[in-house]
Amino acid sequence: MAGRFSRRVRGSAKAHGIPVIDCRRGEKKHQIAEEYLATHTVRRGVFLILVARAVAPVWDVFRSAKGIIRHLTKKTAFIGVVRLVRAAWS
């Protein structure tokens, strides 16, 4: 996750007692949530935050001094993906 966003998500999660789990590639996020639910009681709302990275297209944009787009370069990069897992509303 990007620096400021990551710090804010992690800080808010810490303040509210919500665990943040960094996941690796290939891990089944729904299984992690199911295992967590089996061992913890949860209240209504967000009870777990799963953080992963995924490959996505990213564009480098080069502009002139006047702000006109001069050149676009497409590349792939890893981006942060956040999954907020919440309890069902009843």
C-alpha atoms as a PDB file:
ATOM      1  CA  MET A   1       0.000   0.000   0.000  1.00  0.00           C
ATOM      2  CA  ALA A   2       1.111   3.558  -0.605  1.00  0.00           C
ATOM      3  CA  GLY A   3       2.809   5.207   2.351  1.00  0.00           C
ATOM      4  CA  ARG A   4       0.213   7.640   3.714  1.00  0.00           C
ATOM      5  CA  PHE A   5      -2.766   5.377   3.015  1.00  0.00           C
ATOM      6  CA  SER A   6      -0.975   2.410   4.575  1.00  0.00           C
ATOM      7  CA  ARG A   7      -0.099   4.336   7.727  1.00  0.00           C
ATOM      8  CA  ARG A   8      -3.666   5.577   8.108  1.00  0.00           C
ATOM      9  CA  VAL A   9      -5.245   2.153   7.577  1.00  0.00           C
ATOM     10  CA  ARG A  10      -2.825   0.480   9.977  1.00  0.00           C
ATOM     11  CA  GLY A  11      -3.172   3.271  12.555  1.00  0.00           C
ATOM     12  CA  SER A  12      -6.965   3.166  12.448  1.00  0.00           C
ATOM     13  CA  ALA A  13      -6.954  -0.624  12.675  1.00  0.00           C
ATOM     14  CA  LYS A  14      -4.659  -0.490  15.705  1.00  0.00           C
ATOM     15  CA  ALA A  15      -6.842   2.129  17.399  1.00  0.00           C
ATOM     16  CA  HIS A  16      -9.961  -0.015  16.895  1.00  0.00           C
ATOM     17  CA  GLY A  17      -8.342  -3.379  17.690  1.00  0.00           C
ATOM     18  CA  ILE A  18      -8.704  -4.732  14.144  1.00  0.00           C
ATOM     19  CA  PRO A  19      -5.914  -7.102  13.050  1.00  0.00           C
ATOM     20  CA  VAL A  20      -4.073  -6.384   9.773  1.00  0.00           C
ATOM     21  CA  ILE A  21      -2.644  -9.470   8.044  1.00  0.00           C
ATOM     22  CA  ASP A  22      -0.134  -9.184   5.192  1.00  0.00           C
ATOM     23  CA  CYS A  23      -0.851 -11.984   2.721  1.00  0.00           C
ATOM     24  CA  ARG A  24       1.464 -13.601   0.222  1.00  0.00           C
ATOM     25  CA  ARG A  25       0.717 -14.569  -3.325  1.00  0.00           C
ATOM     26  CA  GLY A  26      -1.412 -17.692  -3.619  1.00  0.00           C
ATOM     27  CA  GLU A  27      -2.840 -17.541  -0.118  1.00  0.00           C
ATOM     28  CA  LYS A  28      -6.589 -18.085   0.046  1.00  0.00           C
ATOM     29  CA  LYS A  29      -7.879 -14.938   1.711  1.00  0.00           C
ATOM     30  CA  HIS A  30     -11.326 -16.388   2.418  1.00  0.00           C
ATOM     31  CA  GLN A  31      -9.719 -19.310   4.275  1.00  0.00           C
ATOM     32  CA  ILE A  32      -7.711 -16.892   6.426  1.00  0.00           C
ATOM     33  CA  ALA A  33     -10.954 -15.090   7.314  1.00  0.00           C
ATOM     34  CA  GLU A  34     -12.769 -18.376   8.040  1.00  0.00           C
ATOM     35  CA  GLU A  35      -9.941 -19.535  10.335  1.00  0.00           C
ATOM     36  CA  TYR A  36     -10.032 -16.197  12.138  1.00  0.00           C
ATOM     37  CA  LEU A  37     -13.814 -16.466  12.602  1.00  0.00           C
ATOM     38  CA  ALA A  38     -13.474 -19.996  13.993  1.00  0.00           C
ATOM     39  CA  THR A  39     -11.181 -18.804  16.796  1.00  0.00           C
ATOM     40  CA  HIS A  40     -12.572 -15.317  17.554  1.00  0.00           C
ATOM     41  CA  THR A  41     -15.942 -13.790  18.277  1.00  0.00           C
ATOM     42  CA  VAL A  42     -16.640 -10.726  16.174  1.00  0.00           C
ATOM     43  CA  ARG A  43     -19.029  -7.801  16.343  1.00  0.00           C
ATOM     44  CA  ARG A  44     -20.881  -6.195  13.495  1.00  0.00           C
ATOM     45  CA  GLY A  45     -18.598  -4.274  11.120  1.00  0.00           C
ATOM     46  CA  VAL A  46     -15.010  -4.703   9.932  1.00  0.00           C
ATOM     47  CA  PHE A  47     -13.180  -7.360  11.947  1.00  0.00           C
ATOM     48  CA  LEU A  48     -10.141  -8.133   9.765  1.00  0.00           C
ATOM     49  CA  ILE A  49      -8.009  -6.357   7.143  1.00  0.00           C
ATOM     50  CA  LEU A  50      -6.098  -8.443   4.610  1.00  0.00           C
ATOM     51  CA  VAL A  51      -3.322  -6.749   2.619  1.00  0.00           C
ATOM     52  CA  ALA A  52      -1.890  -8.236  -0.581  1.00  0.00           C
ATOM     53  CA  ARG A  53      -0.064  -7.143  -3.721  1.00  0.00           C
ATOM     54  CA  ALA A  54      -1.207  -7.680  -7.300  1.00  0.00           C
ATOM     55  CA  VAL A  55       0.207  -6.975 -10.749  1.00  0.00           C
ATOM     56  CA  ALA A  56      -1.622  -4.207 -12.590  1.00  0.00           C
ATOM     57  CA  PRO A  57      -0.992  -1.928 -15.572  1.00  0.00           C
ATOM     58  CA  VAL A  58       0.489   1.446 -14.654  1.00  0.00           C
ATOM     59  CA  TRP A  59       1.075   4.421 -16.932  1.00  0.00           C
ATOM     60  CA  ASP A  60       4.005   6.849 -16.806  1.00  0.00           C
ATOM     61  CA  VAL A  61       2.828  10.206 -18.106  1.00  0.00           C
ATOM     62  CA  PHE A  62       5.285  12.768 -19.445  1.00  0.00           C
ATOM     63  CA  ARG A  63       3.933  16.297 -19.867  1.00  0.00           C
ATOM     64  CA  SER A  64       5.269  19.429 -21.505  1.00  0.00           C
ATOM     65  CA  ALA A  65       5.816  22.642 -19.558  1.00  0.00           C
ATOM     66  CA  LYS A  66       2.296  23.686 -20.582  1.00  0.00           C
ATOM     67  CA  GLY A  67       0.794  20.465 -19.199  1.00  0.00           C
ATOM     68  CA  ILE A  68       0.154  18.742 -22.527  1.00  0.00           C
ATOM     69  CA  ILE A  69       0.699  14.986 -22.522  1.00  0.00           C
ATOM     70  CA  ARG A  70       3.764  14.328 -24.650  1.00  0.00           C
ATOM     71  CA  HIS A  71       4.430  10.637 -24.064  1.00  0.00           C
ATOM     72  CA  LEU A  72       2.732   7.686 -22.355  1.00  0.00           C
ATOM     73  CA  THR A  73       4.568   4.559 -21.286  1.00  0.00           C
ATOM     74  CA  LYS A  74       2.642   1.492 -20.135  1.00  0.00           C
ATOM     75  CA  LYS A  75       4.296  -0.867 -17.682  1.00  0.00           C
ATOM     76  CA  THR A  76       3.214  -3.420 -15.107  1.00  0.00           C
ATOM     77  CA  ALA A  77       3.864  -2.940 -11.425  1.00  0.00           C
ATOM     78  CA  PHE A  78       2.803  -4.374  -8.102  1.00  0.00           C
ATOM     79  CA  ILE A  79       0.051  -2.419  -6.388  1.00  0.00           C
ATOM     80  CA  GLY A  80      -1.365  -2.819  -2.911  1.00  0.00           C
ATOM     81  CA  VAL A  81      -4.776  -4.442  -2.515  1.00  0.00           C
ATOM     82  CA  VAL A  82      -6.750  -4.047   0.691  1.00  0.00           C
ATOM     83  CA  ARG A  83      -9.627  -6.333   1.620  1.00  0.00           C
ATOM     84  CA  LEU A  84     -11.828  -5.232   4.479  1.00  0.00           C
ATOM     85  CA  VAL A  85     -13.585  -8.260   5.901  1.00  0.00           C
ATOM     86  CA  ARG A  86     -16.753  -7.450   7.806  1.00  0.00           C
ATOM     87  CA  ALA A  87     -19.332  -9.401   9.728  1.00  0.00           C
ATOM     88  CA  ALA A  88     -22.742  -9.852   8.145  1.00  0.00           C
ATOM     89  CA  TRP A  89     -25.288  -7.186   9.006  1.00  0.00           C
ATOM     90  CA  SER A  90     -28.304  -8.607  10.762  1.00  0.00           C
END
